[in-house]
PDB file of all heavy atoms in Angstrom:
ATOM      1  N   ALA A   1    -142.856 156.257 -24.774  1.00  0.00           N
ATOM      2  CA  ALA A   1    -142.665 157.286 -23.723  1.00  0.00           C
ATOM      3  C   ALA A   1    -143.659 157.007 -22.595  1.00  0.00           C
ATOM      4  O   ALA A   1    -143.725 155.891 -22.092  1.00  0.00           O
ATOM      5  CB  ALA A   1    -142.790 158.684 -24.301  1.00  0.00           C
ATOM      6  N   ASP A   2    -144.501 158.004 -22.248  1.00  0.00           N
ATOM      7  CA  ASP A   2    -145.425 157.763 -21.134  1.00  0.00           C
ATOM      8  C   ASP A   2    -146.817 157.312 -21.607  1.00  0.00           C
ATOM      9  O   ASP A   2    -147.781 157.305 -20.833  1.00  0.00           O
ATOM     10  CB  ASP A   2    -145.537 159.014 -20.239  1.00  0.00           C
ATOM     11  CG  ASP A   2    -145.991 160.246 -21.017  1.00  0.00           C
ATOM     12  OD1 ASP A   2    -145.784 160.295 -22.237  1.00  0.00           O
ATOM     13  OD2 ASP A   2    -146.561 161.166 -20.418  1.00  0.00           O
ATOM     14  N   ASP A   3    -146.929 156.944 -22.905  1.00  0.00           N
ATOM     15  CA  ASP A   3    -148.204 156.421 -23.434  1.00  0.00           C
ATOM     16  C   ASP A   3    -148.175 154.902 -23.424  1.00  0.00           C
ATOM     17  O   ASP A   3    -147.499 154.274 -24.236  1.00  0.00           O
ATOM     18  CB  ASP A   3    -148.421 156.895 -24.888  1.00  0.00           C
ATOM     19  CG  ASP A   3    -148.859 158.338 -24.940  1.00  0.00           C
ATOM     20  OD1 ASP A   3    -149.461 158.785 -23.977  1.00  0.00           O
ATOM     21  OD2 ASP A   3    -148.605 159.015 -25.948  1.00  0.00           O
ATOM     22  N   CYS A   4    -148.927 154.311 -22.496  1.00  0.00           N
ATOM     23  CA  CYS A   4    -148.887 152.849 -22.346  1.00  0.00           C
ATOM     24  C   CYS A   4    -150.263 152.244 -22.633  1.00  0.00           C
ATOM     25  O   CYS A   4    -151.274 152.718 -22.119  1.00  0.00           O
ATOM     26  CB  CYS A   4    -148.443 152.500 -20.921  1.00  0.00           C
ATOM     27  SG  CYS A   4    -148.246 150.716 -20.686  1.00  0.00           S
ATOM     28  N   ILE A   5    -150.268 151.219 -23.470  1.00  0.00           N
ATOM     29  CA  ILE A   5    -151.502 150.512 -23.824  1.00  0.00           C
ATOM     30  C   ILE A   5    -151.340 149.033 -23.466  1.00  0.00           C
ATOM     31  O   ILE A   5    -150.338 148.410 -23.833  1.00  0.00           O
ATOM     32  CB  ILE A   5    -151.798 150.635 -25.344  1.00  0.00           C
ATOM     33  CG1 ILE A   5    -152.009 152.095 -25.744  1.00  0.00           C
ATOM     34  CG2 ILE A   5    -152.958 149.769 -25.766  1.00  0.00           C
ATOM     35  CD1 ILE A   5    -153.323 152.677 -25.383  1.00  0.00           C
ATOM     36  N   ILE A   6    -152.338 148.484 -22.767  1.00  0.00           N
ATOM     37  CA  ILE A   6    -152.340 147.049 -22.447  1.00  0.00           C
ATOM     38  C   ILE A   6    -153.567 146.438 -23.120  1.00  0.00           C
ATOM     39  O   ILE A   6    -154.643 147.047 -23.122  1.00  0.00           O
ATOM     40  CB  ILE A   6    -152.418 146.828 -20.912  1.00  0.00           C
ATOM     41  CG1 ILE A   6    -151.280 147.590 -20.199  1.00  0.00           C
ATOM     42  CG2 ILE A   6    -152.340 145.346 -20.560  1.00  0.00           C
ATOM     43  CD1 ILE A   6    -151.456 147.691 -18.687  1.00  0.00           C
ATOM     44  N   THR A   7    -153.420 145.245 -23.692  1.00  0.00           N
ATOM     45  CA  THR A   7    -154.594 144.609 -24.319  1.00  0.00           C
ATOM     46  C   THR A   7    -154.853 143.246 -23.665  1.00  0.00           C
ATOM     47  O   THR A   7    -153.918 142.484 -23.400  1.00  0.00           O
ATOM     48  CB  THR A   7    -154.395 144.412 -25.840  1.00  0.00           C
ATOM     49  OG1 THR A   7    -153.288 143.537 -26.045  1.00  0.00           O
ATOM     50  CG2 THR A   7    -154.100 145.726 -26.547  1.00  0.00           C
ATOM     51  N   VAL A   8    -156.144 142.966 -23.429  1.00  0.00           N
ATOM     52  CA  VAL A   8    -156.552 141.678 -22.831  1.00  0.00           C
ATOM     53  C   VAL A   8    -157.770 141.153 -23.595  1.00  0.00           C
ATOM     54  O   VAL A   8    -158.282 141.802 -24.497  1.00  0.00           O
ATOM     55  CB  VAL A   8    -156.891 141.828 -21.316  1.00  0.00           C
ATOM     56  CG1 VAL A   8    -155.656 142.181 -20.512  1.00  0.00           C
ATOM     57  CG2 VAL A   8    -157.979 142.896 -21.118  1.00  0.00           C
ATOM     58  N   LYS A   9    -158.260 139.949 -23.189  1.00  0.00           N
ATOM     59  CA  LYS A   9    -159.325 139.303 -23.992  1.00  0.00           C
ATOM     60  C   LYS A   9    -160.738 139.521 -23.462  1.00  0.00           C
ATOM     61  O   LYS A   9    -161.705 139.214 -24.158  1.00  0.00           O
ATOM     62  CB  LYS A   9    -159.035 137.800 -24.089  1.00  0.00           C
ATOM     63  CG  LYS A   9    -157.943 137.498 -25.114  1.00  0.00           C
ATOM     64  CD  LYS A   9    -157.865 136.050 -25.509  1.00  0.00           C
ATOM     65  CE  LYS A   9    -156.954 135.857 -26.721  1.00  0.00           C
ATOM     66  NZ  LYS A   9    -156.757 134.485 -27.118  1.00  0.00           N
ATOM     67  N   SER A  10    -160.875 139.999 -22.207  1.00  0.00           N
ATOM     68  CA  SER A  10    -162.255 140.172 -21.716  1.00  0.00           C
ATOM     69  C   SER A  10    -162.391 141.461 -20.923  1.00  0.00           C
ATOM     70  O   SER A  10    -161.405 142.010 -20.431  1.00  0.00           O
ATOM     71  CB  SER A  10    -162.650 139.003 -20.813  1.00  0.00           C
ATOM     72  OG  SER A  10    -161.906 139.093 -19.579  1.00  0.00           O
ATOM     73  N   LYS A  11    -163.628 141.894 -20.782  1.00  0.00           N
ATOM     74  CA  LYS A  11    -163.914 143.124 -20.051  1.00  0.00           C
ATOM     75  C   LYS A  11    -163.543 142.966 -18.568  1.00  0.00           C
ATOM     76  O   LYS A  11    -163.003 143.880 -17.949  1.00  0.00           O
ATOM     77  CB  LYS A  11    -165.408 143.462 -20.193  1.00  0.00           C
ATOM     78  CG  LYS A  11    -165.752 144.857 -19.674  1.00  0.00           C
ATOM     79  CD  LYS A  11    -167.200 145.184 -19.928  1.00  0.00           C
ATOM     80  CE  LYS A  11    -167.499 146.640 -19.527  1.00  0.00           C
ATOM     81  NZ  LYS A  11    -168.907 146.985 -19.832  1.00  0.00           N
ATOM     82  N   ALA A  12    -163.831 141.792 -18.033  1.00  0.00           N
ATOM     83  CA  ALA A  12    -163.527 141.543 -16.608  1.00  0.00           C
ATOM     84  C   ALA A  12    -162.025 141.631 -16.363  1.00  0.00           C
ATOM     85  O   ALA A  12    -161.562 142.257 -15.395  1.00  0.00           O
ATOM     86  CB  ALA A  12    -164.047 140.169 -16.201  1.00  0.00           C
ATOM     87  N   ALA A  13    -161.239 141.027 -17.280  1.00  0.00           N
ATOM     88  CA  ALA A  13    -159.774 141.094 -17.156  1.00  0.00           C
ATOM     89  C   ALA A  13    -159.305 142.543 -17.269  1.00  0.00           C
ATOM     90  O   ALA A  13    -158.399 142.977 -16.540  1.00  0.00           O
ATOM     91  CB  ALA A  13    -159.117 140.244 -18.245  1.00  0.00           C
ATOM     92  N   ALA A  14    -159.925 143.297 -18.173  1.00  0.00           N
ATOM     93  CA  ALA A  14    -159.535 144.700 -18.371  1.00  0.00           C
ATOM     94  C   ALA A  14    -159.739 145.499 -17.085  1.00  0.00           C
ATOM     95  O   ALA A  14    -158.881 146.272 -16.674  1.00  0.00           O
ATOM     96  CB  ALA A  14    -160.336 145.310 -19.522  1.00  0.00           C
ATOM     97  N   LYS A  15    -160.889 145.296 -16.449  1.00  0.00           N
ATOM     98  CA  LYS A  15    -161.182 146.024 -15.204  1.00  0.00           C
ATOM     99  C   LYS A  15    -160.180 145.664 -14.118  1.00  0.00           C
ATOM    100  O   LYS A  15    -159.677 146.515 -13.382  1.00  0.00           O
ATOM    101  CB  LYS A  15    -162.602 145.697 -14.723  1.00  0.00           C
ATOM    102  CG  LYS A  15    -163.681 146.438 -15.517  1.00  0.00           C
ATOM    103  CD  LYS A  15    -165.050 146.126 -14.952  1.00  0.00           C
ATOM    104  CE  LYS A  15    -166.127 146.989 -15.561  1.00  0.00           C
ATOM    105  NZ  LYS A  15    -167.469 146.566 -15.156  1.00  0.00           N
ATOM    106  N   ARG A  16    -159.892 144.364 -14.033  1.00  0.00           N
ATOM    107  CA  ARG A  16    -158.953 143.866 -13.019  1.00  0.00           C
ATOM    108  C   ARG A  16    -157.552 144.446 -13.238  1.00  0.00           C
ATOM    109  O   ARG A  16    -156.914 144.941 -12.317  1.00  0.00           O
ATOM    110  CB  ARG A  16    -158.924 142.334 -13.107  1.00  0.00           C
ATOM    111  CG  ARG A  16    -158.430 141.629 -11.866  1.00  0.00           C
ATOM    112  CD  ARG A  16    -158.674 140.135 -11.888  1.00  0.00           C
ATOM    113  NE  ARG A  16    -158.113 139.471 -13.067  1.00  0.00           N
ATOM    114  CZ  ARG A  16    -158.849 138.893 -14.035  1.00  0.00           C
ATOM    115  NH1 ARG A  16    -160.159 138.845 -13.917  1.00  0.00           N
ATOM    116  NH2 ARG A  16    -158.273 138.318 -15.090  1.00  0.00           N
ATOM    117  N   VAL A  17    -157.104 144.435 -14.495  1.00  0.00           N
ATOM    118  CA  VAL A  17    -155.755 144.921 -14.828  1.00  0.00           C
ATOM    119  C   VAL A  17    -155.671 146.434 -14.610  1.00  0.00           C
ATOM    120  O   VAL A  17    -154.705 146.935 -14.045  1.00  0.00           O
ATOM    121  CB  VAL A  17    -155.382 144.536 -16.286  1.00  0.00           C
ATOM    122  CG1 VAL A  17    -154.132 145.274 -16.741  1.00  0.00           C
ATOM    123  CG2 VAL A  17    -155.180 143.030 -16.403  1.00  0.00           C
ATOM    124  N   MET A  18    -156.695 147.153 -15.057  1.00  0.00           N
ATOM    125  CA  MET A  18    -156.697 148.605 -14.878  1.00  0.00           C
ATOM    126  C   MET A  18    -156.498 148.954 -13.405  1.00  0.00           C
ATOM    127  O   MET A  18    -155.678 149.792 -13.041  1.00  0.00           O
ATOM    128  CB  MET A  18    -158.018 149.193 -15.405  1.00  0.00           C
ATOM    129  CG  MET A  18    -158.241 150.649 -15.063  1.00  0.00           C
ATOM    130  SD  MET A  18    -157.126 151.783 -15.899  1.00  0.00           S
ATOM    131  CE  MET A  18    -158.108 152.329 -17.276  1.00  0.00           C
ATOM    132  N   GLN A  19    -157.257 148.281 -12.559  1.00  0.00           N
ATOM    133  CA  GLN A  19    -157.204 148.554 -11.115  1.00  0.00           C
ATOM    134  C   GLN A  19    -155.828 148.206 -10.521  1.00  0.00           C
ATOM    135  O   GLN A  19    -155.221 149.022  -9.826  1.00  0.00           O
ATOM    136  CB  GLN A  19    -158.305 147.743 -10.418  1.00  0.00           C
ATOM    137  CG  GLN A  19    -158.665 148.350  -9.041  1.00  0.00           C
ATOM    138  CD  GLN A  19    -159.862 147.615  -8.455  1.00  0.00           C
ATOM    139  OE1 GLN A  19    -160.398 146.673  -9.003  1.00  0.00           O
ATOM    140  NE2 GLN A  19    -160.293 148.058  -7.327  1.00  0.00           N
ATOM    141  N   SER A  20    -155.363 146.995 -10.810  1.00  0.00           N
ATOM    142  CA  SER A  20    -154.123 146.544 -10.150  1.00  0.00           C
ATOM    143  C   SER A  20    -152.895 147.291 -10.686  1.00  0.00           C
ATOM    144  O   SER A  20    -151.984 147.618  -9.928  1.00  0.00           O
ATOM    145  CB  SER A  20    -153.948 145.031 -10.296  1.00  0.00           C
ATOM    146  OG  SER A  20    -153.702 144.712 -11.646  1.00  0.00           O
ATOM    147  N   VAL A  21    -152.867 147.598 -11.997  1.00  0.00           N
ATOM    148  CA  VAL A  21    -151.711 148.314 -12.563  1.00  0.00           C
ATOM    149  C   VAL A  21    -151.699 149.765 -12.083  1.00  0.00           C
ATOM    150  O   VAL A  21    -150.648 150.304 -11.734  1.00  0.00           O
ATOM    151  CB  VAL A  21    -151.692 148.218 -14.115  1.00  0.00           C
ATOM    152  CG1 VAL A  21    -150.637 149.155 -14.699  1.00  0.00           C
ATOM    153  CG2 VAL A  21    -151.419 146.780 -14.559  1.00  0.00           C
ATOM    154  N   THR A  22    -152.870 150.395 -12.029  1.00  0.00           N
ATOM    155  CA  THR A  22    -152.956 151.770 -11.514  1.00  0.00           C
ATOM    156  C   THR A  22    -152.409 151.830 -10.095  1.00  0.00           C
ATOM    157  O   THR A  22    -151.586 152.684  -9.754  1.00  0.00           O
ATOM    158  CB  THR A  22    -154.417 152.278 -11.552  1.00  0.00           C
ATOM    159  OG1 THR A  22    -154.845 152.301 -12.918  1.00  0.00           O
ATOM    160  CG2 THR A  22    -154.555 153.662 -10.950  1.00  0.00           C
ATOM    161  N   SER A  23    -152.868 150.910  -9.278  1.00  0.00           N
ATOM    162  CA  SER A  23    -152.428 150.873  -7.872  1.00  0.00           C
ATOM    163  C   SER A  23    -150.912 150.647  -7.801  1.00  0.00           C
ATOM    164  O   SER A  23    -150.214 151.303  -7.015  1.00  0.00           O
ATOM    165  CB  SER A  23    -153.202 149.756  -7.151  1.00  0.00           C
ATOM    166  OG  SER A  23    -152.514 149.290  -6.079  1.00  0.00           O
ATOM    167  N   TRP A  24    -150.375 149.757  -8.652  1.00  0.00           N
ATOM    168  CA  TRP A  24    -148.931 149.467  -8.646  1.00  0.00           C
ATOM    169  C   TRP A  24    -148.117 150.707  -9.037  1.00  0.00           C
ATOM    170  O   TRP A  24    -147.127 151.037  -8.393  1.00  0.00           O
ATOM    171  CB  TRP A  24    -148.635 148.299  -9.611  1.00  0.00           C
ATOM    172  CG  TRP A  24    -147.203 147.850  -9.545  1.00  0.00           C
ATOM    173  CD1 TRP A  24    -146.684 146.884  -8.725  1.00  0.00           C
ATOM    174  CD2 TRP A  24    -146.108 148.378 -10.299  1.00  0.00           C
ATOM    175  NE1 TRP A  24    -145.322 146.782  -8.926  1.00  0.00           N
ATOM    176  CE2 TRP A  24    -144.939 147.689  -9.891  1.00  0.00           C
ATOM    177  CE3 TRP A  24    -145.981 149.372 -11.272  1.00  0.00           C
ATOM    178  CZ2 TRP A  24    -143.686 147.948 -10.424  1.00  0.00           C
ATOM    179  CZ3 TRP A  24    -144.726 149.644 -11.806  1.00  0.00           C
ATOM    180  CH2 TRP A  24    -143.606 148.929 -11.392  1.00  0.00           C
ATOM    181  N   ILE A  25    -148.565 151.416 -10.073  1.00  0.00           N
ATOM    182  CA  ILE A  25    -147.852 152.626 -10.548  1.00  0.00           C
ATOM    183  C   ILE A  25    -147.789 153.666  -9.429  1.00  0.00           C
ATOM    184  O   ILE A  25    -146.748 154.269  -9.167  1.00  0.00           O
ATOM    185  CB  ILE A  25    -148.539 153.220 -11.804  1.00  0.00           C
ATOM    186  CG1 ILE A  25    -148.337 152.284 -13.004  1.00  0.00           C
ATOM    187  CG2 ILE A  25    -148.028 154.621 -12.117  1.00  0.00           C
ATOM    188  CD1 ILE A  25    -149.147 152.667 -14.246  1.00  0.00           C
ATOM    189  N   GLU A  26    -148.922 153.876  -8.761  1.00  0.00           N
ATOM    190  CA  GLU A  26    -148.969 154.928  -7.735  1.00  0.00           C
ATOM    191  C   GLU A  26    -148.168 154.527  -6.492  1.00  0.00           C
ATOM    192  O   GLU A  26    -147.507 155.349  -5.874  1.00  0.00           O
ATOM    193  CB  GLU A  26    -150.430 155.256  -7.401  1.00  0.00           C
ATOM    194  CG  GLU A  26    -151.128 155.859  -8.633  1.00  0.00           C
ATOM    195  CD  GLU A  26    -152.501 156.436  -8.408  1.00  0.00           C
ATOM    196  OE1 GLU A  26    -153.139 156.043  -7.415  1.00  0.00           O
ATOM    197  OE2 GLU A  26    -152.970 157.280  -9.229  1.00  0.00           O
ATOM    198  N   ARG A  27    -148.228 153.235  -6.168  1.00  0.00           N
ATOM    199  CA  ARG A  27    -147.537 152.743  -4.968  1.00  0.00           C
ATOM    200  C   ARG A  27    -146.026 152.634  -5.174  1.00  0.00           C
ATOM    201  O   ARG A  27    -145.232 153.119  -4.384  1.00  0.00           O
ATOM    202  CB  ARG A  27    -148.116 151.365  -4.617  1.00  0.00           C
ATOM    203  CG  ARG A  27    -148.431 151.119  -3.187  1.00  0.00           C
ATOM    204  CD  ARG A  27    -149.066 149.809  -2.878  1.00  0.00           C
ATOM    205  NE  ARG A  27    -148.489 148.666  -3.576  1.00  0.00           N
ATOM    206  CZ  ARG A  27    -149.062 148.013  -4.573  1.00  0.00           C
ATOM    207  NH1 ARG A  27    -150.264 148.386  -4.941  1.00  0.00           N
ATOM    208  NH2 ARG A  27    -148.494 146.974  -5.179  1.00  0.00           N
ATOM    209  N   LYS A  28    -145.643 151.987  -6.287  1.00  0.00           N
ATOM    210  CA  LYS A  28    -144.224 151.634  -6.484  1.00  0.00           C
ATOM    211  C   LYS A  28    -143.401 152.734  -7.171  1.00  0.00           C
ATOM    212  O   LYS A  28    -142.213 152.868  -6.949  1.00  0.00           O
ATOM    213  CB  LYS A  28    -144.109 150.347  -7.318  1.00  0.00           C
ATOM    214  CG  LYS A  28    -144.676 149.105  -6.623  1.00  0.00           C
ATOM    215  CD  LYS A  28    -143.747 148.609  -5.524  1.00  0.00           C
ATOM    216  CE  LYS A  28    -144.237 147.308  -4.957  1.00  0.00           C
ATOM    217  NZ  LYS A  28    -143.503 146.748  -3.949  1.00  0.00           N
ATOM    218  N   LEU A  29    -144.045 153.480  -8.052  1.00  0.00           N
ATOM    219  CA  LEU A  29    -143.280 154.485  -8.799  1.00  0.00           C
ATOM    220  C   LEU A  29    -143.515 155.898  -8.291  1.00  0.00           C
ATOM    221  O   LEU A  29    -142.820 156.836  -8.695  1.00  0.00           O
ATOM    222  CB  LEU A  29    -143.611 154.410 -10.309  1.00  0.00           C
ATOM    223  CG  LEU A  29    -143.259 153.090 -11.022  1.00  0.00           C
ATOM    224  CD1 LEU A  29    -143.592 153.196 -12.514  1.00  0.00           C
ATOM    225  CD2 LEU A  29    -141.788 152.731 -10.849  1.00  0.00           C
ATOM    226  N   GLY A  30    -144.551 156.044  -7.447  1.00  0.00           N
ATOM    227  CA  GLY A  30    -144.844 157.393  -6.930  1.00  0.00           C
ATOM    228  C   GLY A  30    -145.385 158.331  -7.989  1.00  0.00           C
ATOM    229  O   GLY A  30    -145.260 159.558  -7.897  1.00  0.00           O
ATOM    230  N   LEU A  31    -146.001 157.752  -9.040  1.00  0.00           N
ATOM    231  CA  LEU A  31    -146.582 158.576 -10.102  1.00  0.00           C
ATOM    232  C   LEU A  31    -148.096 158.594  -9.955  1.00  0.00           C
ATOM    233  O   LEU A  31    -148.679 157.725  -9.319  1.00  0.00           O
ATOM    234  CB  LEU A  31    -146.210 157.999 -11.484  1.00  0.00           C
ATOM    235  CG  LEU A  31    -144.712 158.009 -11.820  1.00  0.00           C
ATOM    236  CD1 LEU A  31    -144.438 157.111 -13.025  1.00  0.00           C
ATOM    237  CD2 LEU A  31    -144.221 159.415 -12.103  1.00  0.00           C
ATOM    238  N   LYS A  32    -148.729 159.553 -10.605  1.00  0.00           N
ATOM    239  CA  LYS A  32    -150.178 159.684 -10.484  1.00  0.00           C
ATOM    240  C   LYS A  32    -150.818 159.267 -11.816  1.00  0.00           C
ATOM    241  O   LYS A  32    -150.423 159.733 -12.892  1.00  0.00           O
ATOM    242  CB  LYS A  32    -150.514 161.162 -10.163  1.00  0.00           C
ATOM    243  CG  LYS A  32    -152.002 161.442  -9.957  1.00  0.00           C
ATOM    244  CD  LYS A  32    -152.376 161.394  -8.466  1.00  0.00           C
ATOM    245  CE  LYS A  32    -153.866 161.796  -8.295  1.00  0.00           C
ATOM    246  NZ  LYS A  32    -154.763 160.698  -8.563  1.00  0.00           N
ATOM    247  N   VAL A  33    -151.784 158.365 -11.736  1.00  0.00           N
ATOM    248  CA  VAL A  33    -152.548 157.984 -12.928  1.00  0.00           C
ATOM    249  C   VAL A  33    -153.755 158.912 -13.045  1.00  0.00           C
ATOM    250  O   VAL A  33    -154.490 159.102 -12.080  1.00  0.00           O
ATOM    251  CB  VAL A  33    -152.991 156.506 -12.857  1.00  0.00           C
ATOM    252  CG1 VAL A  33    -153.948 156.164 -14.001  1.00  0.00           C
ATOM    253  CG2 VAL A  33    -151.751 155.590 -12.896  1.00  0.00           C
ATOM    254  N   ASN A  34    -153.925 159.495 -14.229  1.00  0.00           N
ATOM    255  CA  ASN A  34    -155.045 160.406 -14.464  1.00  0.00           C
ATOM    256  C   ASN A  34    -156.324 159.596 -14.707  1.00  0.00           C
ATOM    257  O   ASN A  34    -156.537 159.050 -15.794  1.00  0.00           O
ATOM    258  CB  ASN A  34    -154.719 161.298 -15.676  1.00  0.00           C
ATOM    259  CG  ASN A  34    -155.731 162.387 -15.869  1.00  0.00           C
ATOM    260  OD1 ASN A  34    -156.898 162.261 -15.492  1.00  0.00           O
ATOM    261  ND2 ASN A  34    -155.298 163.490 -16.451  1.00  0.00           N
ATOM    262  N   ALA A  35    -157.151 159.527 -13.664  1.00  0.00           N
ATOM    263  CA  ALA A  35    -158.352 158.671 -13.727  1.00  0.00           C
ATOM    264  C   ALA A  35    -159.334 159.145 -14.797  1.00  0.00           C
ATOM    265  O   ALA A  35    -160.010 158.352 -15.447  1.00  0.00           O
ATOM    266  CB  ALA A  35    -159.036 158.644 -12.363  1.00  0.00           C
ATOM    267  N   SER A  36    -159.410 160.474 -15.007  1.00  0.00           N
ATOM    268  CA  SER A  36    -160.399 160.972 -15.981  1.00  0.00           C
ATOM    269  C   SER A  36    -159.976 160.676 -17.427  1.00  0.00           C
ATOM    270  O   SER A  36    -160.816 160.573 -18.319  1.00  0.00           O
ATOM    271  CB  SER A  36    -160.599 162.489 -15.803  1.00  0.00           C
ATOM    272  OG  SER A  36    -159.357 163.162 -16.053  1.00  0.00           O
ATOM    273  N   LYS A  37    -158.661 160.531 -17.673  1.00  0.00           N
ATOM    274  CA  LYS A  37    -158.228 160.261 -19.052  1.00  0.00           C
ATOM    275  C   LYS A  37    -157.909 158.777 -19.299  1.00  0.00           C
ATOM    276  O   LYS A  37    -157.869 158.338 -20.437  1.00  0.00           O
ATOM    277  CB  LYS A  37    -156.978 161.104 -19.391  1.00  0.00           C
ATOM    278  CG  LYS A  37    -157.287 162.584 -19.563  1.00  0.00           C
ATOM    279  CD  LYS A  37    -156.076 163.322 -20.070  1.00  0.00           C
ATOM    280  CE  LYS A  37    -156.345 164.798 -20.268  1.00  0.00           C
ATOM    281  NZ  LYS A  37    -155.084 165.499 -20.605  1.00  0.00           N
TER     282      LYS A  37
END
C-alpha cells in the first residue's frame, strides 16, 4: 500500500536516495512526504 521501504548498501547512498525520491514523489505525484516520520 503506501508503506514503501528502499534498501541500499551505504549511508551516503541512503541520504542521496532519500532526498531524490522524496523530491520526485512531491514533484511528479503531487503527494507529501512526512519528513518527521
